[in-house]
Amino acid sequence: MNGTQAEPAHKEKEVELAHMMDEIQEINLRYMLLAQRMLREDKAAASYRLGLSQDLADALADLTPGQVLKMAACGVLLPRFRFDDQLILNLLANYRSDRGMSNTHAAILVAAQPAAAM
C-alpha cells in the first residue's frame, strides 16, 4: 500500500475519532446536567441512584455551568457502569418472565456496593 492510499484511511479514522469524542462530550454533558437536576430535586434519592457519596453529591450539585462544561469536554466518559459482576449484568440484560424480580435482585446487589468517593 502506498502513501496516497493510506492517507484516506488515516483521515477517515481521525474523523471517526473526532465524532466519537463529540459523542462522549455530549453524553458527559447530559449526564452531568441530569445528575445536578436529580441532586437538586432529592439529594438522598439521587445519591443512591447515582451511587455517590454525600461529599461527591454535594460537590457535583455545587458545580457552576462553566465547570460542568469543562468536565464534559474532558475526553473521558464520566458515567460508568455500577457493576463489575457478571451476575448483575445477567440479571439486568436477560429477558425473563419474572423481570421485576430480576430487576429488584439486581438493585439490591448494586445498592450493596460502596458509593463512589472523591
PDB file of N, CA and C in Angstrom:
ATOM      1  N   MET A   1       0.855  -1.175   0.000  1.00  0.00           N
ATOM      2  CA  MET A   1       0.000   0.000   0.000  1.00  0.00           C
ATOM      3  C   MET A   1       0.899   1.235   0.000  1.00  0.00           C
ATOM      4  N   ASN A   2       0.641   2.158  -0.886  1.00  0.00           N
ATOM      5  CA  ASN A   2       1.480   3.337  -0.929  1.00  0.00           C
ATOM      6  C   ASN A   2       0.899   4.439  -0.048  1.00  0.00           C
ATOM      7  N   GLY A   3       1.613   5.551   0.090  1.00  0.00           N
ATOM      8  CA  GLY A   3       1.221   6.646   0.968  1.00  0.00           C
ATOM      9  C   GLY A   3      -0.104   7.284   0.617  1.00  0.00           C
ATOM     10  N   THR A   4      -0.425   7.362  -0.674  1.00  0.00           N
ATOM     11  CA  THR A   4      -1.674   8.013  -1.067  1.00  0.00           C
ATOM     12  C   THR A   4      -2.888   7.185  -0.675  1.00  0.00           C
ATOM     13  N   GLN A   5      -2.745   5.853  -0.648  1.00  0.00           N
ATOM     14  CA  GLN A   5      -3.873   5.013  -0.242  1.00  0.00           C
ATOM     15  C   GLN A   5      -4.041   5.020   1.278  1.00  0.00           C
ATOM     16  N   ALA A   6      -2.958   5.180   2.009  1.00  0.00           N
ATOM     17  CA  ALA A   6      -3.022   5.180   3.471  1.00  0.00           C
ATOM     18  C   ALA A   6      -3.612   6.483   4.000  1.00  0.00           C
ATOM     19  N   GLU A   7      -3.417   7.580   3.265  1.00  0.00           N
ATOM     20  CA  GLU A   7      -3.915   8.876   3.722  1.00  0.00           C
ATOM     21  C   GLU A   7      -5.427   8.902   3.922  1.00  0.00           C
ATOM     22  N   PRO A   8      -6.248   8.463   2.953  1.00  0.00           N
ATOM     23  CA  PRO A   8      -7.695   8.492   3.179  1.00  0.00           C
ATOM     24  C   PRO A   8      -8.123   7.653   4.382  1.00  0.00           C
ATOM     25  N   ALA A   9      -7.502   6.496   4.566  1.00  0.00           N
ATOM     26  CA  ALA A   9      -7.845   5.655   5.720  1.00  0.00           C
ATOM     27  C   ALA A   9      -7.481   6.358   7.019  1.00  0.00           C
ATOM     28  N   HIS A  10      -6.352   7.035   7.036  1.00  0.00           N
ATOM     29  CA  HIS A  10      -5.918   7.764   8.232  1.00  0.00           C
ATOM     30  C   HIS A  10      -6.870   8.922   8.533  1.00  0.00           C
ATOM     31  N   LYS A  11      -7.248   9.659   7.501  1.00  0.00           N
ATOM     32  CA  LYS A  11      -8.168  10.783   7.688  1.00  0.00           C
ATOM     33  C   LYS A  11      -9.543  10.280   8.141  1.00  0.00           C
ATOM     34  N   GLU A  12      -9.962   9.135   7.600  1.00  0.00           N
ATOM     35  CA  GLU A  12     -11.246   8.558   7.995  1.00  0.00           C
ATOM     36  C   GLU A  12     -11.230   8.198   9.478  1.00  0.00           C
ATOM     37  N   LYS A  13     -10.133   7.648   9.947  1.00  0.00           N
ATOM     38  CA  LYS A  13     -10.004   7.298  11.368  1.00  0.00           C
ATOM     39  C   LYS A  13     -10.003   8.556  12.235  1.00  0.00           C
ATOM     40  N   GLU A  14      -9.351   9.623  11.757  1.00  0.00           N
ATOM     41  CA  GLU A  14      -9.347  10.883  12.501  1.00  0.00           C
ATOM     42  C   GLU A  14     -10.755  11.448  12.623  1.00  0.00           C
ATOM     43  N   VAL A  15     -11.523  11.402  11.541  1.00  0.00           N
ATOM     44  CA  VAL A  15     -12.901  11.885  11.551  1.00  0.00           C
ATOM     45  C   VAL A  15     -13.744  11.031  12.493  1.00  0.00           C
ATOM     46  N   GLU A  16     -13.536   9.725  12.439  1.00  0.00           N
ATOM     47  CA  GLU A  16     -14.268   8.803  13.307  1.00  0.00           C
ATOM     48  C   GLU A  16     -13.948   9.080  14.777  1.00  0.00           C
ATOM     49  N   LEU A  17     -12.688   9.313  15.093  1.00  0.00           N
ATOM     50  CA  LEU A  17     -12.275   9.609  16.458  1.00  0.00           C
ATOM     51  C   LEU A  17     -12.863  10.942  16.915  1.00  0.00           C
ATOM     52  N   ALA A  18     -12.837  11.942  16.054  1.00  0.00           N
ATOM     53  CA  ALA A  18     -13.406  13.246  16.396  1.00  0.00           C
ATOM     54  C   ALA A  18     -14.902  13.125  16.673  1.00  0.00           C
ATOM     55  N   HIS A  19     -15.594  12.326  15.861  1.00  0.00           N
ATOM     56  CA  HIS A  19     -17.027  12.115  16.061  1.00  0.00           C
ATOM     57  C   HIS A  19     -17.271  11.407  17.396  1.00  0.00           C
ATOM     58  N   MET A  20     -16.460  10.417  17.711  1.00  0.00           N
ATOM     59  CA  MET A  20     -16.603   9.693  18.972  1.00  0.00           C
ATOM     60  C   MET A  20     -16.355  10.635  20.158  1.00  0.00           C
ATOM     61  N   MET A  21     -15.371  11.499  20.048  1.00  0.00           N
ATOM     62  CA  MET A  21     -15.083  12.443  21.129  1.00  0.00           C
ATOM     63  C   MET A  21     -16.238  13.434  21.304  1.00  0.00           C
ATOM     64  N   ASP A  22     -16.863  13.852  20.213  1.00  0.00           N
ATOM     65  CA  ASP A  22     -18.043  14.716  20.296  1.00  0.00           C
ATOM     66  C   ASP A  22     -19.183  14.001  21.012  1.00  0.00           C
ATOM     67  N   GLU A  23     -19.368  12.722  20.710  1.00  0.00           N
ATOM     68  CA  GLU A  23     -20.421  11.939  21.362  1.00  0.00           C
ATOM     69  C   GLU A  23     -20.146  11.782  22.856  1.00  0.00           C
ATOM     70  N   ILE A  24     -18.880  11.544  23.213  1.00  0.00           N
ATOM     71  CA  ILE A  24     -18.520  11.437  24.628  1.00  0.00           C
ATOM     72  C   ILE A  24     -18.816  12.750  25.339  1.00  0.00           C
ATOM     73  N   GLN A  25     -18.469  13.867  24.723  1.00  0.00           N
ATOM     74  CA  GLN A  25     -18.729  15.169  25.334  1.00  0.00           C
ATOM     75  C   GLN A  25     -20.233  15.378  25.526  1.00  0.00           C
ATOM     76  N   GLU A  26     -21.031  15.012  24.536  1.00  0.00           N
ATOM     77  CA  GLU A  26     -22.480  15.158  24.644  1.00  0.00           C
ATOM     78  C   GLU A  26     -23.047  14.279  25.752  1.00  0.00           C
ATOM     79  N   ILE A  27     -22.595  13.029  25.831  1.00  0.00           N
ATOM     80  CA  ILE A  27     -23.053  12.124  26.890  1.00  0.00           C
ATOM     81  C   ILE A  27     -22.672  12.687  28.250  1.00  0.00           C
ATOM     82  N   ASN A  28     -21.436  13.147  28.375  1.00  0.00           N
ATOM     83  CA  ASN A  28     -20.979  13.717  29.645  1.00  0.00           C
ATOM     84  C   ASN A  28     -21.829  14.909  30.060  1.00  0.00           C
ATOM     85  N   LEU A  29     -22.096  15.797  29.115  1.00  0.00           N
ATOM     86  CA  LEU A  29     -22.878  16.988  29.433  1.00  0.00           C
ATOM     87  C   LEU A  29     -24.293  16.604  29.870  1.00  0.00           C
ATOM     88  N   ARG A  30     -24.931  15.714  29.140  1.00  0.00           N
ATOM     89  CA  ARG A  30     -26.277  15.271  29.506  1.00  0.00           C
ATOM     90  C   ARG A  30     -26.281  14.593  30.871  1.00  0.00           C
ATOM     91  N   TYR A  31     -25.272  13.760  31.122  1.00  0.00           N
ATOM     92  CA  TYR A  31     -25.171  13.058  32.397  1.00  0.00           C
ATOM     93  C   TYR A  31     -24.994  14.046  33.550  1.00  0.00           C
ATOM     94  N   MET A  32     -24.090  14.996  33.379  1.00  0.00           N
ATOM     95  CA  MET A  32     -23.837  15.970  34.441  1.00  0.00           C
ATOM     96  C   MET A  32     -25.067  16.823  34.725  1.00  0.00           C
ATOM     97  N   LEU A  33     -25.758  17.256  33.666  1.00  0.00           N
ATOM     98  CA  LEU A  33     -26.964  18.067  33.864  1.00  0.00           C
ATOM     99  C   LEU A  33     -28.073  17.257  34.532  1.00  0.00           C
ATOM    100  N   LEU A  34     -28.225  15.997  34.129  1.00  0.00           N
ATOM    101  CA  LEU A  34     -29.216  15.129  34.762  1.00  0.00           C
ATOM    102  C   LEU A  34     -28.863  14.900  36.229  1.00  0.00           C
ATOM    103  N   ALA A  35     -27.599  14.617  36.507  1.00  0.00           N
ATOM    104  CA  ALA A  35     -27.173  14.384  37.886  1.00  0.00           C
ATOM    105  C   ALA A  35     -27.435  15.617  38.750  1.00  0.00           C
ATOM    106  N   GLN A  36     -27.107  16.793  38.240  1.00  0.00           N
ATOM    107  CA  GLN A  36     -27.347  18.013  39.009  1.00  0.00           C
ATOM    108  C   GLN A  36     -28.839  18.225  39.264  1.00  0.00           C
ATOM    109  N   ARG A  37     -29.665  17.989  38.245  1.00  0.00           N
ATOM    110  CA  ARG A  37     -31.116  18.148  38.414  1.00  0.00           C
ATOM    111  C   ARG A  37     -31.641  17.158  39.457  1.00  0.00           C
ATOM    112  N   MET A  38     -31.199  15.910  39.362  1.00  0.00           N
ATOM    113  CA  MET A  38     -31.624  14.901  40.335  1.00  0.00           C
ATOM    114  C   MET A  38     -31.197  15.297  41.748  1.00  0.00           C
ATOM    115  N   LEU A  39     -29.974  15.781  41.894  1.00  0.00           N
ATOM    116  CA  LEU A  39     -29.462  16.165  43.210  1.00  0.00           C
ATOM    117  C   LEU A  39     -30.218  17.358  43.782  1.00  0.00           C
ATOM    118  N   ARG A  40     -30.608  18.281  42.945  1.00  0.00           N
ATOM    119  CA  ARG A  40     -31.383  19.446  43.420  1.00  0.00           C
ATOM    120  C   ARG A  40     -32.783  19.041  43.867  1.00  0.00           C
ATOM    121  N   GLU A  41     -33.371  18.077  43.166  1.00  0.00           N
ATOM    122  CA  GLU A  41     -34.741  17.663  43.472  1.00  0.00           C
ATOM    123  C   GLU A  41     -34.822  16.776  44.705  1.00  0.00           C
ATOM    124  N   ASP A  42     -33.893  15.842  44.864  1.00  0.00           N
ATOM    125  CA  ASP A  42     -33.906  14.926  46.016  1.00  0.00           C
ATOM    126  C   ASP A  42     -32.503  14.340  46.156  1.00  0.00           C
ATOM    127  N   LYS A  43     -31.698  15.006  46.993  1.00  0.00           N
ATOM    128  CA  LYS A  43     -30.286  14.638  47.089  1.00  0.00           C
ATOM    129  C   LYS A  43     -30.093  13.201  47.575  1.00  0.00           C
ATOM    130  N   ALA A  44     -30.883  12.762  48.536  1.00  0.00           N
ATOM    131  CA  ALA A  44     -30.712  11.408  49.070  1.00  0.00           C
ATOM    132  C   ALA A  44     -31.027  10.356  48.007  1.00  0.00           C
ATOM    133  N   ALA A  45     -32.147  10.514  47.316  1.00  0.00           N
ATOM    134  CA  ALA A  45     -32.524   9.549  46.279  1.00  0.00           C
ATOM    135  C   ALA A  45     -31.534   9.594  45.116  1.00  0.00           C
ATOM    136  N   ALA A  46     -31.105  10.791  44.736  1.00  0.00           N
ATOM    137  CA  ALA A  46     -30.149  10.928  43.631  1.00  0.00           C
ATOM    138  C   ALA A  46     -28.807  10.301  43.991  1.00  0.00           C
ATOM    139  N   SER A  47     -28.350  10.515  45.216  1.00  0.00           N
ATOM    140  CA  SER A  47     -27.085   9.926  45.652  1.00  0.00           C
ATOM    141  C   SER A  47     -27.152   8.410  45.557  1.00  0.00           C
ATOM    142  N   TYR A  48     -28.286   7.843  45.959  1.00  0.00           N
ATOM    143  CA  TYR A  48     -28.470   6.390  45.869  1.00  0.00           C
ATOM    144  C   TYR A  48     -28.477   5.938  44.407  1.00  0.00           C
ATOM    145  N   ARG A  49     -29.296   6.594  43.588  1.00  0.00           N
ATOM    146  CA  ARG A  49     -29.419   6.187  42.183  1.00  0.00           C
ATOM    147  C   ARG A  49     -28.118   6.365  41.400  1.00  0.00           C
ATOM    148  N   LEU A  50     -27.363   7.396  41.735  1.00  0.00           N
ATOM    149  CA  LEU A  50     -26.109   7.667  41.028  1.00  0.00           C
ATOM    150  C   LEU A  50     -24.919   6.945  41.655  1.00  0.00           C
ATOM    151  N   GLY A  51     -25.109   6.379  42.846  1.00  0.00           N
ATOM    152  CA  GLY A  51     -24.027   5.678  43.526  1.00  0.00           C
ATOM    153  C   GLY A  51     -22.954   6.616  44.036  1.00  0.00           C
ATOM    154  N   LEU A  52     -23.364   7.765  44.573  1.00  0.00           N
ATOM    155  CA  LEU A  52     -22.418   8.789  45.008  1.00  0.00           C
ATOM    156  C   LEU A  52     -22.363   8.894  46.525  1.00  0.00           C
ATOM    157  N   SER A  53     -21.191   9.204  47.034  1.00  0.00           N
ATOM    158  CA  SER A  53     -21.062   9.537  48.449  1.00  0.00           C
ATOM    159  C   SER A  53     -21.697  10.919  48.661  1.00  0.00           C
ATOM    160  N   GLN A  54     -21.972  11.248  49.912  1.00  0.00           N
ATOM    161  CA  GLN A  54     -22.563  12.557  50.227  1.00  0.00           C
ATOM    162  C   GLN A  54     -21.635  13.693  49.813  1.00  0.00           C
ATOM    163  N   ASP A  55     -20.330  13.523  50.054  1.00  0.00           N
ATOM    164  CA  ASP A  55     -19.362  14.565  49.689  1.00  0.00           C
ATOM    165  C   ASP A  55     -19.334  14.807  48.184  1.00  0.00           C
ATOM    166  N   LEU A  56     -19.324  13.721  47.412  1.00  0.00           N
ATOM    167  CA  LEU A  56     -19.300  13.860  45.955  1.00  0.00           C
ATOM    168  C   LEU A  56     -20.614  14.444  45.445  1.00  0.00           C
ATOM    169  N   ALA A  57     -21.725  14.031  46.044  1.00  0.00           N
ATOM    170  CA  ALA A  57     -23.030  14.579  45.652  1.00  0.00           C
ATOM    171  C   ALA A  57     -23.062  16.091  45.890  1.00  0.00           C
ATOM    172  N   ASP A  58     -22.554  16.520  47.037  1.00  0.00           N
ATOM    173  CA  ASP A  58     -22.511  17.959  47.344  1.00  0.00           C
ATOM    174  C   ASP A  58     -21.638  18.704  46.336  1.00  0.00           C
ATOM    175  N   ALA A  59     -20.477  18.135  46.021  1.00  0.00           N
ATOM    176  CA  ALA A  59     -19.551  18.788  45.082  1.00  0.00           C
ATOM    177  C   ALA A  59     -20.171  18.906  43.690  1.00  0.00           C
ATOM    178  N   LEU A  60     -20.820  17.832  43.209  1.00  0.00           N
ATOM    179  CA  LEU A  60     -21.451  17.877  41.891  1.00  0.00           C
ATOM    180  C   LEU A  60     -22.600  18.871  41.844  1.00  0.00           C
ATOM    181  N   ALA A  61     -23.383  18.915  42.900  1.00  0.00           N
ATOM    182  CA  ALA A  61     -24.525  19.834  42.940  1.00  0.00           C
ATOM    183  C   ALA A  61     -24.072  21.288  42.905  1.00  0.00           C
ATOM    184  N   ASP A  62     -22.879  21.557  43.431  1.00  0.00           N
ATOM    185  CA  ASP A  62     -22.379  22.931  43.527  1.00  0.00           C
ATOM    186  C   ASP A  62     -21.563  23.396  42.323  1.00  0.00           C
ATOM    187  N   LEU A  63     -21.372  22.535  41.317  1.00  0.00           N
ATOM    188  CA  LEU A  63     -20.588  22.932  40.147  1.00  0.00           C
ATOM    189  C   LEU A  63     -21.288  24.054  39.372  1.00  0.00           C
ATOM    190  N   THR A  64     -20.501  24.992  38.882  1.00  0.00           N
ATOM    191  CA  THR A  64     -21.042  26.062  38.043  1.00  0.00           C
ATOM    192  C   THR A  64     -21.252  25.517  36.626  1.00  0.00           C
ATOM    193  N   PRO A  65     -22.050  26.207  35.813  1.00  0.00           N
ATOM    194  CA  PRO A  65     -22.208  25.763  34.419  1.00  0.00           C
ATOM    195  C   PRO A  65     -20.872  25.669  33.681  1.00  0.00           C
ATOM    196  N   GLY A  66     -19.959  26.581  33.938  1.00  0.00           N
ATOM    197  CA  GLY A  66     -18.647  26.532  33.297  1.00  0.00           C
ATOM    198  C   GLY A  66     -17.860  25.296  33.708  1.00  0.00           C
ATOM    199  N   GLN A  67     -17.950  24.933  34.982  1.00  0.00           N
ATOM    200  CA  GLN A  67     -17.261  23.741  35.456  1.00  0.00           C
ATOM    201  C   GLN A  67     -17.862  22.476  34.839  1.00  0.00           C
ATOM    202  N   VAL A  68     -19.177  22.463  34.692  1.00  0.00           N
ATOM    203  CA  VAL A  68     -19.854  21.315  34.072  1.00  0.00           C
ATOM    204  C   VAL A  68     -19.388  21.175  32.626  1.00  0.00           C
ATOM    205  N   LEU A  69     -19.339  22.278  31.894  1.00  0.00           N
ATOM    206  CA  LEU A  69     -18.883  22.239  30.501  1.00  0.00           C
ATOM    207  C   LEU A  69     -17.432  21.765  30.404  1.00  0.00           C
ATOM    208  N   LYS A  70     -16.596  22.225  31.319  1.00  0.00           N
ATOM    209  CA  LYS A  70     -15.195  21.813  31.317  1.00  0.00           C
ATOM    210  C   LYS A  70     -15.082  20.312  31.595  1.00  0.00           C
ATOM    211  N   MET A  71     -15.848  19.818  32.540  1.00  0.00           N
ATOM    212  CA  MET A  71     -15.821  18.384  32.841  1.00  0.00           C
ATOM    213  C   MET A  71     -16.339  17.574  31.660  1.00  0.00           C
ATOM    214  N   ALA A  72     -17.400  18.068  31.012  1.00  0.00           N
ATOM    215  CA  ALA A  72     -17.985  17.343  29.875  1.00  0.00           C
ATOM    216  C   ALA A  72     -16.983  17.198  28.740  1.00  0.00           C
ATOM    217  N   ALA A  73     -16.102  18.166  28.597  1.00  0.00           N
ATOM    218  CA  ALA A  73     -15.136  18.170  27.495  1.00  0.00           C
ATOM    219  C   ALA A  73     -13.816  17.480  27.844  1.00  0.00           C
ATOM    220  N   CYS A  74     -13.769  16.761  28.948  1.00  0.00           N
ATOM    221  CA  CYS A  74     -12.500  16.194  29.425  1.00  0.00           C
ATOM    222  C   CYS A  74     -11.968  15.060  28.551  1.00  0.00           C
ATOM    223  N   GLY A  75     -12.791  14.482  27.673  1.00  0.00           N
ATOM    224  CA  GLY A  75     -12.323  13.414  26.790  1.00  0.00           C
ATOM    225  C   GLY A  75     -12.413  12.024  27.386  1.00  0.00           C
ATOM    226  N   VAL A  76     -12.935  11.932  28.600  1.00  0.00           N
ATOM    227  CA  VAL A  76     -13.117  10.654  29.280  1.00  0.00           C
ATOM    228  C   VAL A  76     -14.601  10.512  29.581  1.00  0.00           C
ATOM    229  N   LEU A  77     -15.149   9.341  29.341  1.00  0.00           N
ATOM    230  CA  LEU A  77     -16.559   9.105  29.617  1.00  0.00           C
ATOM    231  C   LEU A  77     -16.781   9.129  31.123  1.00  0.00           C
ATOM    232  N   LEU A  78     -17.576  10.085  31.611  1.00  0.00           N
ATOM    233  CA  LEU A  78     -17.779  10.261  33.050  1.00  0.00           C
ATOM    234  C   LEU A  78     -18.728   9.226  33.664  1.00  0.00           C
ATOM    235  N   PRO A  79     -19.865   8.921  33.032  1.00  0.00           N
ATOM    236  CA  PRO A  79     -20.703   7.871  33.631  1.00  0.00           C
ATOM    237  C   PRO A  79     -19.989   6.529  33.505  1.00  0.00           C
ATOM    238  N   ARG A  80     -20.232   5.677  34.467  1.00  0.00           N
ATOM    239  CA  ARG A  80     -19.623   4.357  34.401  1.00  0.00           C
ATOM    240  C   ARG A  80     -20.634   3.325  34.867  1.00  0.00           C
ATOM    241  N   PHE A  81     -20.389   2.076  34.478  1.00  0.00           N
ATOM    242  CA  PHE A  81     -21.249   1.008  34.935  1.00  0.00           C
ATOM    243  C   PHE A  81     -21.065   0.858  36.434  1.00  0.00           C
ATOM    244  N   ARG A  82     -22.148   0.612  37.127  1.00  0.00           N
ATOM    245  CA  ARG A  82     -22.081   0.470  38.575  1.00  0.00           C
ATOM    246  C   ARG A  82     -21.911  -0.978  38.989  1.00  0.00           C
ATOM    247  N   PHE A  83     -21.578  -1.821  38.068  1.00  0.00           N
ATOM    248  CA  PHE A  83     -21.384  -3.216  38.424  1.00  0.00           C
ATOM    249  C   PHE A  83     -20.194  -3.780  37.671  1.00  0.00           C
ATOM    250  N   ASP A  84     -19.475  -4.612  38.373  1.00  0.00           N
ATOM    251  CA  ASP A  84     -18.349  -5.321  37.784  1.00  0.00           C
ATOM    252  C   ASP A  84     -18.601  -6.819  37.884  1.00  0.00           C
ATOM    253  N   ASP A  85     -19.842  -7.158  38.021  1.00  0.00           N
ATOM    254  CA  ASP A  85     -20.229  -8.518  38.332  1.00  0.00           C
ATOM    255  C   ASP A  85     -21.090  -9.091  37.212  1.00  0.00           C
ATOM    256  N   GLN A  86     -20.725 -10.250  36.722  1.00  0.00           N
ATOM    257  CA  GLN A  86     -21.469 -10.907  35.644  1.00  0.00           C
ATOM    258  C   GLN A  86     -22.905 -11.208  36.072  1.00  0.00           C
ATOM    259  N   LEU A  87     -23.114 -11.531  37.352  1.00  0.00           N
ATOM    260  CA  LEU A  87     -24.453 -11.835  37.848  1.00  0.00           C
ATOM    261  C   LEU A  87     -25.384 -10.638  37.668  1.00  0.00           C
ATOM    262  N   ILE A  88     -24.916  -9.466  38.045  1.00  0.00           N
ATOM    263  CA  ILE A  88     -25.745  -8.266  37.901  1.00  0.00           C
ATOM    264  C   ILE A  88     -26.011  -7.979  36.428  1.00  0.00           C
ATOM    265  N   LEU A  89     -24.993  -8.111  35.599  1.00  0.00           N
ATOM    266  CA  LEU A  89     -25.179  -7.913  34.158  1.00  0.00           C
ATOM    267  C   LEU A  89     -26.253  -8.853  33.623  1.00  0.00           C
ATOM    268  N   ASN A  90     -26.170 -10.110  33.985  1.00  0.00           N
ATOM    269  CA  ASN A  90     -27.158 -11.083  33.517  1.00  0.00           C
ATOM    270  C   ASN A  90     -28.561 -10.770  34.031  1.00  0.00           C
ATOM    271  N   LEU A  91     -28.672 -10.359  35.271  1.00  0.00           N
ATOM    272  CA  LEU A  91     -29.984 -10.028  35.832  1.00  0.00           C
ATOM    273  C   LEU A  91     -30.626  -8.854  35.094  1.00  0.00           C
ATOM    274  N   LEU A  92     -29.808  -7.874  34.735  1.00  0.00           N
ATOM    275  CA  LEU A  92     -30.334  -6.682  34.064  1.00  0.00           C
ATOM    276  C   LEU A  92     -30.581  -6.892  32.577  1.00  0.00           C
ATOM    277  N   ALA A  93     -29.768  -7.710  31.929  1.00  0.00           N
ATOM    278  CA  ALA A  93     -29.807  -7.806  30.473  1.00  0.00           C
ATOM    279  C   ALA A  93     -30.675  -8.934  29.935  1.00  0.00           C
ATOM    280  N   ASN A  94     -30.812  -9.995  30.649  1.00  0.00           N
ATOM    281  CA  ASN A  94     -31.525 -11.153  30.122  1.00  0.00           C
ATOM    282  C   ASN A  94     -33.018 -11.043  30.349  1.00  0.00           C
ATOM    283  N   TYR A  95     -33.776 -11.325  29.301  1.00  0.00           N
ATOM    284  CA  TYR A  95     -35.228 -11.280  29.398  1.00  0.00           C
ATOM    285  C   TYR A  95     -35.717 -12.536  30.095  1.00  0.00           C
ATOM    286  N   ARG A  96     -36.550 -12.325  31.079  1.00  0.00           N
ATOM    287  CA  ARG A  96     -37.177 -13.439  31.779  1.00  0.00           C
ATOM    288  C   ARG A  96     -38.601 -13.038  32.116  1.00  0.00           C
ATOM    289  N   SER A  97     -39.443 -14.020  32.347  1.00  0.00           N
ATOM    290  CA  SER A  97     -40.842 -13.714  32.651  1.00  0.00           C
ATOM    291  C   SER A  97     -40.969 -13.017  33.999  1.00  0.00           C
ATOM    292  N   ASP A  98     -40.054 -13.272  34.928  1.00  0.00           N
ATOM    293  CA  ASP A  98     -40.091 -12.615  36.235  1.00  0.00           C
ATOM    294  C   ASP A  98     -39.135 -11.424  36.268  1.00  0.00           C
ATOM    295  N   ARG A  99     -39.240 -10.593  35.239  1.00  0.00           N
ATOM    296  CA  ARG A  99     -38.341  -9.451  35.042  1.00  0.00           C
ATOM    297  C   ARG A  99     -38.304  -8.533  36.265  1.00  0.00           C
ATOM    298  N   GLY A 100     -39.449  -8.286  36.865  1.00  0.00           N
ATOM    299  CA  GLY A 100     -39.494  -7.410  38.032  1.00  0.00           C
ATOM    300  C   GLY A 100     -38.638  -7.940  39.164  1.00  0.00           C
ATOM    301  N   MET A 101     -38.679  -9.246  39.382  1.00  0.00           N
ATOM    302  CA  MET A 101     -37.872  -9.850  40.435  1.00  0.00           C
ATOM    303  C   MET A 101     -36.390  -9.756  40.104  1.00  0.00           C
ATOM    304  N   SER A 102     -36.024  -9.952  38.842  1.00  0.00           N
ATOM    305  CA  SER A 102     -34.622  -9.830  38.428  1.00  0.00           C
ATOM    306  C   SER A 102     -34.117  -8.417  38.654  1.00  0.00           C
ATOM    307  N   ASN A 103     -34.932  -7.414  38.286  1.00  0.00           N
ATOM    308  CA  ASN A 103     -34.533  -6.018  38.479  1.00  0.00           C
ATOM    309  C   ASN A 103     -34.394  -5.692  39.960  1.00  0.00           C
ATOM    310  N   THR A 104     -35.300  -6.209  40.773  1.00  0.00           N
ATOM    311  CA  THR A 104     -35.231  -5.975  42.209  1.00  0.00           C
ATOM    312  C   THR A 104     -33.973  -6.602  42.788  1.00  0.00           C
ATOM    313  N   HIS A 105     -33.687  -7.825  42.386  1.00  0.00           N
ATOM    314  CA  HIS A 105     -32.485  -8.511  42.854  1.00  0.00           C
ATOM    315  C   HIS A 105     -31.240  -7.732  42.435  1.00  0.00           C
ATOM    316  N   ALA A 106     -31.193  -7.279  41.192  1.00  0.00           N
ATOM    317  CA  ALA A 106     -30.048  -6.508  40.706  1.00  0.00           C
ATOM    318  C   ALA A 106     -29.911  -5.203  41.485  1.00  0.00           C
ATOM    319  N   ALA A 107     -31.014  -4.530  41.751  1.00  0.00           N
ATOM    320  CA  ALA A 107     -30.979  -3.262  42.507  1.00  0.00           C
ATOM    321  C   ALA A 107     -30.427  -3.484  43.911  1.00  0.00           C
ATOM    322  N   ILE A 108     -30.794  -4.601  44.540  1.00  0.00           N
ATOM    323  CA  ILE A 108     -30.275  -4.923  45.871  1.00  0.00           C
ATOM    324  C   ILE A 108     -28.774  -5.139  45.810  1.00  0.00           C
ATOM    325  N   LEU A 109     -28.306  -5.870  44.809  1.00  0.00           N
ATOM    326  CA  LEU A 109     -26.879  -6.136  44.678  1.00  0.00           C
ATOM    327  C   LEU A 109     -26.086  -4.860  44.398  1.00  0.00           C
ATOM    328  N   VAL A 110     -26.632  -3.997  43.551  1.00  0.00           N
ATOM    329  CA  VAL A 110     -25.957  -2.727  43.236  1.00  0.00           C
ATOM    330  C   VAL A 110     -25.952  -1.826  44.455  1.00  0.00           C
ATOM    331  N   ALA A 111     -27.067  -1.789  45.194  1.00  0.00           N
ATOM    332  CA  ALA A 111     -27.149  -0.926  46.377  1.00  0.00           C
ATOM    333  C   ALA A 111     -26.150  -1.355  47.459  1.00  0.00           C
ATOM    334  N   ALA A 112     -25.806  -2.619  47.475  1.00  0.00           N
ATOM    335  CA  ALA A 112     -24.862  -3.124  48.483  1.00  0.00           C
ATOM    336  C   ALA A 112     -23.426  -2.694  48.195  1.00  0.00           C
ATOM    337  N   GLN A 113     -23.169  -2.208  46.982  1.00  0.00           N
ATOM    338  CA  GLN A 113     -21.820  -1.771  46.639  1.00  0.00           C
ATOM    339  C   GLN A 113     -21.548  -0.416  47.278  1.00  0.00           C
ATOM    340  N   PRO A 114     -20.298  -0.136  47.646  1.00  0.00           N
ATOM    341  CA  PRO A 114     -19.980   1.157  48.267  1.00  0.00           C
ATOM    342  C   PRO A 114     -20.193   2.307  47.282  1.00  0.00           C
ATOM    343  N   ALA A 115     -20.588   3.451  47.819  1.00  0.00           N
ATOM    344  CA  ALA A 115     -20.781   4.653  46.991  1.00  0.00           C
ATOM    345  C   ALA A 115     -19.424   5.171  46.533  1.00  0.00           C
ATOM    346  N   ALA A 116     -19.420   5.822  45.397  1.00  0.00           N
ATOM    347  CA  ALA A 116     -18.194   6.402  44.854  1.00  0.00           C
ATOM    348  C   ALA A 116     -17.728   7.541  45.755  1.00  0.00           C
ATOM    349  N   ALA A 117     -16.472   7.594  45.997  1.00  0.00           N
ATOM    350  CA  ALA A 117     -15.895   8.667  46.809  1.00  0.00           C
ATOM    351  C   ALA A 117     -15.081   9.579  45.904  1.00  0.00           C
ATOM    352  N   MET A 118     -14.749  10.739  46.401  1.00  0.00           N
ATOM    353  CA  MET A 118     -13.942  11.700  45.638  1.00  0.00           C
ATOM    354  C   MET A 118     -12.547  11.195  45.471  1.00  0.00           C
TER     355      MET A 118
END
